[in-house]
N, C-alpha and C. Protein backbone atom coordinates (compact mmCIF):
# COMPACT_ATOMS: atom_id res chain seq x y z
N UNK A 1 1.21 -104.81 32.38
CA UNK A 1 0.58 -103.92 31.46
C UNK A 1 0.50 -104.61 30.11
N UNK A 2 -0.60 -104.52 29.56
CA UNK A 2 -0.88 -105.23 28.33
C UNK A 2 -1.11 -104.20 27.22
N UNK A 3 -0.12 -104.10 26.29
CA UNK A 3 -0.27 -103.15 25.18
C UNK A 3 -0.82 -103.89 23.97
N UNK A 4 -1.83 -103.31 23.46
CA UNK A 4 -2.42 -103.91 22.27
C UNK A 4 -2.15 -103.00 21.09
N UNK A 5 -1.65 -103.55 20.03
CA UNK A 5 -1.48 -102.78 18.79
C UNK A 5 -2.39 -103.39 17.74
N UNK A 6 -2.84 -102.53 16.91
CA UNK A 6 -3.69 -103.08 15.87
C UNK A 6 -2.85 -103.61 14.72
N UNK A 7 -3.48 -104.39 13.90
CA UNK A 7 -2.76 -105.02 12.78
C UNK A 7 -2.33 -103.99 11.74
N UNK A 8 -3.10 -102.93 11.61
CA UNK A 8 -2.77 -101.90 10.65
C UNK A 8 -1.45 -101.21 11.04
N UNK A 9 -1.25 -100.93 12.31
CA UNK A 9 -0.02 -100.32 12.79
C UNK A 9 1.18 -101.23 12.62
N UNK A 10 1.01 -102.53 12.87
CA UNK A 10 2.09 -103.49 12.66
C UNK A 10 2.50 -103.55 11.20
N UNK A 11 1.54 -103.53 10.32
CA UNK A 11 1.85 -103.60 8.90
C UNK A 11 2.61 -102.35 8.46
N UNK A 12 2.23 -101.17 8.93
CA UNK A 12 2.90 -99.94 8.55
C UNK A 12 4.34 -99.94 9.08
N UNK A 13 4.56 -100.36 10.32
CA UNK A 13 5.89 -100.42 10.90
C UNK A 13 6.78 -101.40 10.14
N UNK A 14 6.25 -102.57 9.84
CA UNK A 14 7.02 -103.58 9.09
C UNK A 14 7.35 -103.08 7.69
N UNK A 15 6.42 -102.43 7.05
CA UNK A 15 6.66 -101.91 5.70
C UNK A 15 7.75 -100.84 5.73
N UNK A 16 7.70 -99.92 6.70
CA UNK A 16 8.73 -98.89 6.81
C UNK A 16 10.10 -99.48 7.12
N UNK A 17 10.14 -100.47 8.00
CA UNK A 17 11.41 -101.11 8.36
C UNK A 17 12.05 -101.76 7.13
N UNK A 18 11.27 -102.51 6.39
CA UNK A 18 11.82 -103.14 5.19
C UNK A 18 12.14 -102.13 4.11
N UNK A 19 11.43 -101.01 4.07
CA UNK A 19 11.71 -99.96 3.09
C UNK A 19 13.09 -99.35 3.36
N UNK A 20 13.45 -99.12 4.63
CA UNK A 20 14.77 -98.60 4.96
C UNK A 20 15.86 -99.56 4.51
N UNK A 21 15.67 -100.85 4.69
CA UNK A 21 16.65 -101.83 4.24
C UNK A 21 16.75 -101.83 2.71
N UNK A 22 15.62 -101.72 2.04
CA UNK A 22 15.63 -101.71 0.57
C UNK A 22 16.35 -100.47 0.05
N UNK A 23 16.08 -99.30 0.61
CA UNK A 23 16.73 -98.07 0.17
C UNK A 23 18.24 -98.13 0.47
N UNK A 24 18.60 -98.61 1.64
CA UNK A 24 20.02 -98.76 1.98
C UNK A 24 20.73 -99.70 1.03
N UNK A 25 20.10 -100.82 0.71
CA UNK A 25 20.68 -101.78 -0.24
C UNK A 25 20.83 -101.14 -1.63
N UNK A 26 19.84 -100.39 -2.07
CA UNK A 26 19.91 -99.73 -3.38
C UNK A 26 21.02 -98.68 -3.42
N UNK A 27 21.22 -97.96 -2.31
CA UNK A 27 22.31 -96.98 -2.26
C UNK A 27 23.67 -97.67 -2.35
N UNK A 28 23.82 -98.79 -1.65
CA UNK A 28 25.07 -99.56 -1.73
C UNK A 28 25.31 -100.06 -3.15
N UNK A 29 24.29 -100.58 -3.80
CA UNK A 29 24.40 -101.06 -5.18
C UNK A 29 24.76 -99.91 -6.11
N UNK A 30 24.15 -98.74 -5.91
CA UNK A 30 24.43 -97.57 -6.75
C UNK A 30 25.89 -97.15 -6.61
N UNK A 31 26.41 -97.07 -5.38
CA UNK A 31 27.82 -96.72 -5.18
C UNK A 31 28.75 -97.76 -5.80
N UNK A 32 28.40 -99.01 -5.73
CA UNK A 32 29.20 -100.07 -6.34
C UNK A 32 29.23 -99.93 -7.85
N UNK A 33 28.09 -99.62 -8.46
CA UNK A 33 28.04 -99.43 -9.92
C UNK A 33 28.86 -98.21 -10.35
N UNK A 34 28.79 -97.13 -9.58
CA UNK A 34 29.59 -95.94 -9.90
C UNK A 34 31.08 -96.28 -9.79
N UNK A 35 31.46 -97.03 -8.76
CA UNK A 35 32.85 -97.44 -8.60
C UNK A 35 33.31 -98.29 -9.79
N UNK A 36 32.50 -99.25 -10.20
CA UNK A 36 32.85 -100.08 -11.35
C UNK A 36 33.02 -99.24 -12.61
N UNK A 37 32.12 -98.31 -12.82
CA UNK A 37 32.18 -97.46 -14.00
C UNK A 37 33.48 -96.64 -14.00
N UNK A 38 33.81 -96.03 -12.89
CA UNK A 38 35.01 -95.19 -12.82
C UNK A 38 36.29 -96.00 -12.93
N UNK A 39 36.28 -97.23 -12.46
CA UNK A 39 37.51 -98.01 -12.50
C UNK A 39 37.73 -98.73 -13.84
N UNK A 40 36.69 -99.01 -14.57
CA UNK A 40 36.85 -99.76 -15.82
C UNK A 40 36.69 -98.93 -17.08
N UNK A 41 36.06 -97.78 -17.01
CA UNK A 41 35.90 -96.93 -18.17
C UNK A 41 37.03 -95.92 -18.19
N UNK A 42 37.82 -95.92 -19.26
CA UNK A 42 38.97 -95.02 -19.37
C UNK A 42 38.47 -93.67 -19.88
N UNK A 43 38.71 -92.64 -19.10
CA UNK A 43 38.26 -91.31 -19.49
C UNK A 43 39.40 -90.43 -19.99
N UNK A 44 40.65 -90.79 -19.67
CA UNK A 44 41.80 -90.02 -20.12
C UNK A 44 42.90 -90.97 -20.55
N UNK A 45 43.43 -90.75 -21.73
CA UNK A 45 44.49 -91.59 -22.27
C UNK A 45 45.77 -90.77 -22.35
N UNK A 46 46.86 -91.29 -21.80
CA UNK A 46 48.15 -90.61 -21.83
C UNK A 46 48.92 -91.06 -23.06
N UNK A 47 49.14 -90.15 -24.00
CA UNK A 47 49.83 -90.49 -25.24
C UNK A 47 51.17 -89.77 -25.37
N UNK A 48 51.71 -89.28 -24.26
CA UNK A 48 52.97 -88.54 -24.34
C UNK A 48 54.12 -89.41 -24.84
N UNK A 49 54.16 -90.67 -24.40
CA UNK A 49 55.23 -91.57 -24.87
C UNK A 49 55.11 -91.81 -26.38
N UNK A 50 53.90 -91.97 -26.86
CA UNK A 50 53.69 -92.18 -28.29
C UNK A 50 54.08 -90.95 -29.09
N UNK A 51 53.74 -89.77 -28.59
CA UNK A 51 54.13 -88.53 -29.27
C UNK A 51 55.65 -88.41 -29.33
N UNK A 52 56.32 -88.77 -28.27
CA UNK A 52 57.78 -88.71 -28.25
C UNK A 52 58.38 -89.70 -29.25
N UNK A 53 57.80 -90.89 -29.35
CA UNK A 53 58.30 -91.87 -30.31
C UNK A 53 58.10 -91.39 -31.75
N UNK A 54 56.95 -90.79 -32.02
CA UNK A 54 56.68 -90.29 -33.38
C UNK A 54 57.65 -89.16 -33.72
N UNK A 55 57.89 -88.27 -32.77
CA UNK A 55 58.85 -87.18 -33.00
C UNK A 55 60.25 -87.74 -33.25
N UNK A 56 60.67 -88.68 -32.44
CA UNK A 56 61.99 -89.30 -32.61
C UNK A 56 62.09 -90.00 -33.96
N UNK A 57 61.05 -90.72 -34.33
CA UNK A 57 61.03 -91.40 -35.63
C UNK A 57 61.14 -90.39 -36.77
N UNK A 58 60.44 -89.28 -36.64
CA UNK A 58 60.48 -88.25 -37.69
C UNK A 58 61.87 -87.66 -37.83
N UNK A 59 62.57 -87.50 -36.72
CA UNK A 59 63.92 -86.93 -36.77
C UNK A 59 64.91 -87.94 -37.38
N UNK A 60 64.80 -89.19 -36.94
CA UNK A 60 65.80 -90.19 -37.35
C UNK A 60 65.57 -90.79 -38.73
N UNK A 61 64.39 -90.63 -39.29
CA UNK A 61 64.11 -91.27 -40.58
C UNK A 61 63.74 -90.30 -41.68
N UNK A 62 63.91 -89.02 -41.47
CA UNK A 62 63.59 -88.02 -42.47
C UNK A 62 64.82 -87.75 -43.33
N UNK A 63 64.71 -87.94 -44.62
CA UNK A 63 65.88 -87.77 -45.48
C UNK A 63 66.36 -86.33 -45.53
N UNK A 64 65.49 -85.38 -45.22
CA UNK A 64 65.89 -83.98 -45.17
C UNK A 64 66.42 -83.59 -43.80
N UNK A 65 66.49 -84.55 -42.89
CA UNK A 65 66.89 -84.29 -41.51
C UNK A 65 68.36 -84.48 -41.27
N UNK A 66 68.68 -85.02 -40.10
CA UNK A 66 70.07 -85.11 -39.65
C UNK A 66 70.78 -86.37 -40.12
N UNK A 67 70.07 -87.30 -40.73
CA UNK A 67 70.70 -88.55 -41.15
C UNK A 67 71.42 -88.37 -42.49
N UNK A 68 72.32 -89.28 -42.76
CA UNK A 68 73.07 -89.24 -44.01
C UNK A 68 72.17 -89.70 -45.15
N UNK A 69 72.15 -88.91 -46.22
CA UNK A 69 71.34 -89.22 -47.40
C UNK A 69 72.24 -89.19 -48.62
N UNK A 70 72.26 -90.31 -49.35
CA UNK A 70 73.05 -90.42 -50.57
C UNK A 70 72.16 -90.07 -51.75
N UNK A 71 72.41 -88.92 -52.35
CA UNK A 71 71.56 -88.44 -53.45
C UNK A 71 71.73 -89.26 -54.73
N UNK A 72 72.91 -89.84 -54.95
CA UNK A 72 73.17 -90.60 -56.17
C UNK A 72 72.26 -91.81 -56.27
N UNK A 73 72.08 -92.51 -55.18
CA UNK A 73 71.24 -93.72 -55.22
C UNK A 73 69.89 -93.50 -54.53
N UNK A 74 69.63 -92.26 -54.11
CA UNK A 74 68.37 -91.88 -53.46
C UNK A 74 68.06 -92.79 -52.27
N UNK A 75 69.04 -92.86 -51.35
CA UNK A 75 68.88 -93.72 -50.18
C UNK A 75 69.32 -92.98 -48.92
N UNK A 76 68.54 -93.14 -47.88
CA UNK A 76 68.91 -92.56 -46.59
C UNK A 76 69.37 -93.67 -45.66
N UNK A 77 70.30 -93.35 -44.80
CA UNK A 77 70.85 -94.30 -43.86
C UNK A 77 70.45 -93.87 -42.45
N UNK A 78 69.42 -94.48 -41.88
CA UNK A 78 68.83 -94.00 -40.63
C UNK A 78 69.76 -93.95 -39.43
N UNK A 79 70.76 -94.76 -39.33
CA UNK A 79 71.59 -94.76 -38.14
C UNK A 79 72.95 -94.13 -38.36
N UNK A 80 73.07 -93.39 -39.46
CA UNK A 80 74.29 -92.65 -39.72
C UNK A 80 73.94 -91.16 -39.69
N UNK A 81 74.50 -90.43 -38.74
CA UNK A 81 74.22 -89.02 -38.56
C UNK A 81 75.25 -88.22 -39.35
N UNK A 82 74.75 -87.34 -40.23
CA UNK A 82 75.62 -86.47 -41.02
C UNK A 82 75.94 -85.23 -40.17
N UNK A 83 77.19 -85.10 -39.76
CA UNK A 83 77.58 -84.02 -38.87
C UNK A 83 77.37 -82.65 -39.50
N UNK A 84 77.49 -82.55 -40.82
CA UNK A 84 77.30 -81.26 -41.48
C UNK A 84 75.82 -80.83 -41.45
N UNK A 85 74.91 -81.78 -41.28
CA UNK A 85 73.48 -81.46 -41.22
C UNK A 85 72.95 -81.38 -39.79
N UNK A 86 73.80 -81.65 -38.81
CA UNK A 86 73.37 -81.65 -37.41
C UNK A 86 73.46 -80.22 -36.87
N UNK A 87 72.44 -79.40 -37.21
CA UNK A 87 72.42 -78.01 -36.77
C UNK A 87 70.97 -77.51 -36.67
N UNK A 88 70.81 -76.29 -36.17
CA UNK A 88 69.47 -75.72 -35.97
C UNK A 88 68.74 -75.48 -37.28
N UNK A 89 69.47 -75.16 -38.33
CA UNK A 89 68.84 -74.91 -39.64
C UNK A 89 68.15 -76.17 -40.15
N UNK A 90 68.77 -77.32 -39.96
CA UNK A 90 68.17 -78.58 -40.39
C UNK A 90 66.89 -78.86 -39.59
N UNK A 91 66.93 -78.56 -38.29
CA UNK A 91 65.73 -78.77 -37.46
C UNK A 91 64.59 -77.88 -37.93
N UNK A 92 64.89 -76.65 -38.32
CA UNK A 92 63.86 -75.76 -38.85
C UNK A 92 63.29 -76.31 -40.15
N UNK A 93 64.15 -76.91 -40.97
CA UNK A 93 63.70 -77.50 -42.23
C UNK A 93 62.80 -78.71 -41.96
N UNK A 94 63.16 -79.53 -40.98
CA UNK A 94 62.32 -80.68 -40.61
C UNK A 94 60.97 -80.18 -40.11
N UNK A 95 60.99 -79.12 -39.32
CA UNK A 95 59.75 -78.58 -38.78
C UNK A 95 58.83 -78.08 -39.88
N UNK A 96 59.39 -77.43 -40.88
CA UNK A 96 58.55 -76.91 -41.95
C UNK A 96 58.06 -78.01 -42.89
N UNK A 97 58.81 -79.12 -42.99
CA UNK A 97 58.41 -80.19 -43.91
C UNK A 97 57.53 -81.26 -43.29
N UNK A 98 57.84 -81.71 -42.09
CA UNK A 98 57.11 -82.88 -41.58
C UNK A 98 56.58 -82.74 -40.16
N UNK A 99 57.25 -82.02 -39.29
CA UNK A 99 56.81 -81.92 -37.90
C UNK A 99 56.39 -80.47 -37.66
N UNK A 100 55.14 -80.17 -37.83
CA UNK A 100 54.68 -78.79 -37.64
C UNK A 100 53.62 -78.76 -36.56
N UNK A 101 53.94 -78.11 -35.45
CA UNK A 101 53.02 -78.01 -34.32
C UNK A 101 52.43 -76.62 -34.19
N UNK A 102 52.50 -75.83 -35.22
CA UNK A 102 51.94 -74.48 -35.19
C UNK A 102 53.04 -73.44 -35.06
N UNK A 103 52.64 -72.18 -35.27
CA UNK A 103 53.60 -71.09 -35.25
C UNK A 103 54.24 -70.92 -33.87
N UNK A 104 53.42 -70.91 -32.82
CA UNK A 104 53.94 -70.86 -31.45
C UNK A 104 53.78 -72.25 -30.86
N UNK A 105 54.79 -73.07 -31.03
CA UNK A 105 54.73 -74.47 -30.62
C UNK A 105 54.69 -74.60 -29.11
N UNK A 106 53.52 -74.90 -28.56
CA UNK A 106 53.38 -75.12 -27.12
C UNK A 106 53.05 -76.59 -26.86
N UNK A 107 53.56 -77.44 -27.73
CA UNK A 107 53.19 -78.85 -27.64
C UNK A 107 54.36 -79.76 -27.29
N UNK A 108 55.54 -79.45 -27.82
CA UNK A 108 56.67 -80.36 -27.66
C UNK A 108 57.98 -79.59 -27.82
N UNK A 109 58.98 -79.97 -27.05
CA UNK A 109 60.32 -79.40 -27.19
C UNK A 109 61.33 -80.52 -26.98
N UNK A 110 62.51 -80.37 -27.58
CA UNK A 110 63.49 -81.45 -27.49
C UNK A 110 64.92 -80.91 -27.53
N UNK A 111 65.81 -81.71 -26.96
CA UNK A 111 67.24 -81.42 -27.04
C UNK A 111 67.93 -82.66 -27.57
N UNK A 112 68.73 -82.49 -28.61
CA UNK A 112 69.48 -83.59 -29.22
C UNK A 112 70.96 -83.36 -28.95
N UNK A 113 71.63 -84.36 -28.41
CA UNK A 113 73.06 -84.27 -28.14
C UNK A 113 73.76 -85.39 -28.89
N UNK A 114 74.74 -85.03 -29.68
CA UNK A 114 75.56 -85.99 -30.39
C UNK A 114 76.85 -86.18 -29.61
N UNK A 115 77.09 -87.41 -29.17
CA UNK A 115 78.21 -87.70 -28.28
C UNK A 115 79.12 -88.74 -28.93
N UNK A 116 80.43 -88.51 -28.87
CA UNK A 116 81.35 -89.50 -29.43
C UNK A 116 81.57 -90.64 -28.43
N UNK A 117 82.39 -91.60 -28.83
CA UNK A 117 82.60 -92.81 -28.01
C UNK A 117 83.22 -92.51 -26.65
N UNK A 118 84.03 -91.48 -26.58
CA UNK A 118 84.71 -91.16 -25.32
C UNK A 118 83.80 -90.40 -24.36
N UNK A 119 82.61 -89.99 -24.81
CA UNK A 119 81.67 -89.29 -23.94
C UNK A 119 81.67 -87.78 -24.11
N UNK A 120 82.45 -87.27 -25.04
CA UNK A 120 82.50 -85.84 -25.30
C UNK A 120 81.31 -85.43 -26.18
N UNK A 121 80.67 -84.32 -25.83
CA UNK A 121 79.56 -83.82 -26.65
C UNK A 121 80.14 -83.14 -27.88
N UNK A 122 79.75 -83.65 -29.05
CA UNK A 122 80.24 -83.09 -30.31
C UNK A 122 79.42 -81.87 -30.68
N UNK A 123 78.09 -82.02 -30.62
CA UNK A 123 77.20 -80.92 -30.98
C UNK A 123 75.87 -81.10 -30.26
N UNK A 124 75.16 -79.99 -30.12
CA UNK A 124 73.88 -80.02 -29.42
C UNK A 124 72.89 -79.16 -30.19
N UNK A 125 71.65 -79.68 -30.34
CA UNK A 125 70.58 -78.93 -30.99
C UNK A 125 69.41 -78.88 -30.02
N UNK A 126 68.79 -77.71 -29.91
CA UNK A 126 67.58 -77.60 -29.10
C UNK A 126 66.44 -77.22 -30.03
N UNK A 127 65.43 -78.08 -30.06
CA UNK A 127 64.23 -77.84 -30.87
C UNK A 127 63.21 -77.15 -29.98
N UNK A 128 62.70 -76.01 -30.40
CA UNK A 128 61.74 -75.20 -29.64
C UNK A 128 62.40 -74.73 -28.34
N UNK A 129 63.49 -74.01 -28.49
CA UNK A 129 64.31 -73.57 -27.36
C UNK A 129 63.52 -72.75 -26.35
N UNK A 130 62.58 -71.94 -26.83
CA UNK A 130 61.80 -71.07 -25.95
C UNK A 130 61.09 -71.85 -24.85
N UNK A 131 60.53 -73.00 -25.21
CA UNK A 131 59.76 -73.77 -24.25
C UNK A 131 60.56 -74.91 -23.63
N UNK A 132 61.66 -75.31 -24.24
CA UNK A 132 62.41 -76.45 -23.70
C UNK A 132 62.91 -76.18 -22.29
N UNK A 133 63.53 -75.03 -22.07
CA UNK A 133 64.09 -74.72 -20.74
C UNK A 133 63.00 -74.70 -19.68
N UNK A 134 61.85 -74.11 -20.01
CA UNK A 134 60.76 -74.04 -19.03
C UNK A 134 60.22 -75.42 -18.70
N UNK A 135 59.91 -76.20 -19.74
CA UNK A 135 59.33 -77.53 -19.52
C UNK A 135 60.32 -78.49 -18.91
N UNK A 136 61.59 -78.36 -19.26
CA UNK A 136 62.63 -79.23 -18.70
C UNK A 136 62.74 -79.00 -17.19
N UNK A 137 62.67 -77.73 -16.79
CA UNK A 137 62.70 -77.41 -15.35
C UNK A 137 61.47 -77.98 -14.65
N UNK A 138 60.30 -77.86 -15.27
CA UNK A 138 59.08 -78.41 -14.68
C UNK A 138 59.14 -79.94 -14.60
N UNK A 139 59.74 -80.57 -15.60
CA UNK A 139 59.83 -82.04 -15.60
C UNK A 139 60.67 -82.54 -14.44
N UNK A 140 61.66 -81.78 -14.03
CA UNK A 140 62.49 -82.17 -12.89
C UNK A 140 61.70 -82.19 -11.59
N UNK A 141 60.65 -81.36 -11.49
CA UNK A 141 59.85 -81.31 -10.27
C UNK A 141 58.90 -82.49 -10.15
N UNK A 142 58.67 -83.20 -11.24
CA UNK A 142 57.79 -84.38 -11.29
C UNK A 142 56.35 -84.05 -10.88
N UNK A 143 55.89 -82.83 -11.21
CA UNK A 143 54.51 -82.43 -10.94
C UNK A 143 53.60 -83.14 -11.93
N UNK A 144 52.57 -83.79 -11.41
CA UNK A 144 51.62 -84.48 -12.27
C UNK A 144 50.43 -83.57 -12.51
N UNK A 145 49.76 -83.76 -13.63
CA UNK A 145 48.58 -82.98 -13.94
C UNK A 145 48.92 -81.67 -14.63
N UNK A 146 47.91 -80.85 -14.86
CA UNK A 146 48.14 -79.56 -15.54
C UNK A 146 49.13 -78.70 -14.77
N UNK A 147 50.00 -78.02 -15.52
CA UNK A 147 51.01 -77.19 -14.89
C UNK A 147 52.37 -77.85 -14.82
N UNK A 148 52.43 -79.15 -15.06
CA UNK A 148 53.70 -79.87 -15.04
C UNK A 148 54.09 -80.29 -16.45
N UNK A 149 55.13 -81.05 -16.56
CA UNK A 149 55.54 -81.60 -17.85
C UNK A 149 56.23 -82.93 -17.64
N UNK A 150 56.37 -83.66 -18.72
CA UNK A 150 56.98 -84.99 -18.67
C UNK A 150 58.17 -85.00 -19.61
N UNK A 151 59.26 -85.61 -19.15
CA UNK A 151 60.46 -85.72 -19.98
C UNK A 151 60.69 -87.17 -20.36
N UNK A 152 60.91 -87.40 -21.65
CA UNK A 152 61.21 -88.74 -22.15
C UNK A 152 62.61 -88.68 -22.75
N UNK A 153 63.51 -89.50 -22.23
CA UNK A 153 64.90 -89.50 -22.67
C UNK A 153 65.18 -90.80 -23.41
N UNK A 154 65.78 -90.67 -24.60
CA UNK A 154 66.16 -91.83 -25.40
C UNK A 154 67.62 -91.70 -25.80
N UNK A 155 68.28 -92.84 -25.92
CA UNK A 155 69.66 -92.84 -26.35
C UNK A 155 69.81 -93.88 -27.47
N UNK A 156 70.47 -93.50 -28.55
CA UNK A 156 70.64 -94.38 -29.70
C UNK A 156 72.11 -94.50 -30.05
N UNK A 157 72.52 -95.70 -30.37
CA UNK A 157 73.87 -95.94 -30.87
C UNK A 157 73.85 -95.59 -32.35
N UNK A 158 74.71 -94.68 -32.77
CA UNK A 158 74.73 -94.22 -34.16
C UNK A 158 76.16 -94.17 -34.68
N UNK A 159 76.25 -94.02 -35.97
CA UNK A 159 77.53 -93.74 -36.61
C UNK A 159 77.51 -92.28 -37.02
N UNK A 160 78.64 -91.59 -36.81
CA UNK A 160 78.73 -90.16 -37.10
C UNK A 160 79.61 -89.97 -38.32
N UNK A 161 79.01 -89.42 -39.38
CA UNK A 161 79.75 -89.18 -40.63
C UNK A 161 80.24 -87.74 -40.64
N UNK A 162 81.55 -87.59 -40.55
CA UNK A 162 82.18 -86.27 -40.60
C UNK A 162 83.01 -86.20 -41.87
N UNK A 163 82.47 -85.59 -42.89
CA UNK A 163 83.06 -85.52 -44.24
C UNK A 163 83.27 -86.93 -44.77
N UNK A 164 84.48 -87.45 -44.75
CA UNK A 164 84.75 -88.79 -45.28
C UNK A 164 84.97 -89.84 -44.21
N UNK A 165 85.07 -89.43 -42.94
CA UNK A 165 85.32 -90.40 -41.88
C UNK A 165 84.01 -90.76 -41.16
N UNK A 166 83.98 -91.96 -40.63
CA UNK A 166 82.82 -92.42 -39.87
C UNK A 166 83.30 -92.88 -38.50
N UNK A 167 82.68 -92.33 -37.45
CA UNK A 167 83.02 -92.67 -36.08
C UNK A 167 81.80 -93.26 -35.38
N UNK A 168 82.05 -93.96 -34.30
CA UNK A 168 80.96 -94.47 -33.48
C UNK A 168 80.56 -93.40 -32.48
N UNK A 169 79.27 -93.40 -32.11
CA UNK A 169 78.82 -92.42 -31.14
C UNK A 169 77.41 -92.71 -30.66
N UNK A 170 76.86 -91.76 -29.92
CA UNK A 170 75.52 -91.88 -29.37
C UNK A 170 74.74 -90.61 -29.66
N UNK A 171 73.45 -90.79 -29.82
CA UNK A 171 72.54 -89.66 -29.98
C UNK A 171 71.57 -89.70 -28.82
N UNK A 172 71.65 -88.72 -27.95
CA UNK A 172 70.73 -88.62 -26.82
C UNK A 172 69.64 -87.63 -27.17
N UNK A 173 68.40 -88.04 -27.04
CA UNK A 173 67.26 -87.18 -27.33
C UNK A 173 66.44 -87.04 -26.05
N UNK A 174 66.28 -85.80 -25.61
CA UNK A 174 65.49 -85.50 -24.42
C UNK A 174 64.27 -84.70 -24.87
N UNK A 175 63.09 -85.29 -24.77
CA UNK A 175 61.86 -84.66 -25.24
C UNK A 175 61.02 -84.28 -24.03
N UNK A 176 60.55 -83.04 -23.99
CA UNK A 176 59.67 -82.61 -22.92
C UNK A 176 58.32 -82.24 -23.52
N UNK A 177 57.27 -82.74 -22.88
CA UNK A 177 55.90 -82.49 -23.31
C UNK A 177 55.12 -82.00 -22.10
N UNK A 178 54.41 -80.87 -22.23
CA UNK A 178 53.65 -80.38 -21.08
C UNK A 178 52.43 -81.25 -20.79
N UNK A 179 52.05 -81.33 -19.53
CA UNK A 179 50.83 -82.04 -19.15
C UNK A 179 49.65 -81.11 -19.39
N UNK A 180 48.69 -81.59 -20.12
CA UNK A 180 47.49 -80.78 -20.37
C UNK A 180 46.30 -81.36 -19.68
């Protein structure tokens, strides 16, 4: 049996065949470009560690805060903690002067523990107590994304000034920030 096809039919078939390859190739290139865009363009930046560092810096270097401040020479000593100023009232004063996250702070909470050399807790302050317990519990679950929180723990070697005596100790700061 001898089948004859005309040249016009051959041209149409060849054109359609190559068109399918061209469209398939373009779809592959399009998916590759979308993949490159999503992998190299940063759409979300995590700044929770930076926020925790700024908060810690504000606590440890604020002359109205928990550090020892000598009024006679107008000098603050960043690594000497004044035990008489290590209380909730001082944290409220710091909040009103330098660290203000709004009236209902839903941004950051922290717990500061002052520990002596033997490991005994001397005093404890909780900043934003209302949200600290909730976010601290969520941070233990390690839930990522909205609905969870992240805990950043720092420990600093400090000197503790109790009236006229100075002792060695540690300041543990546990900061919890909700994931938004």
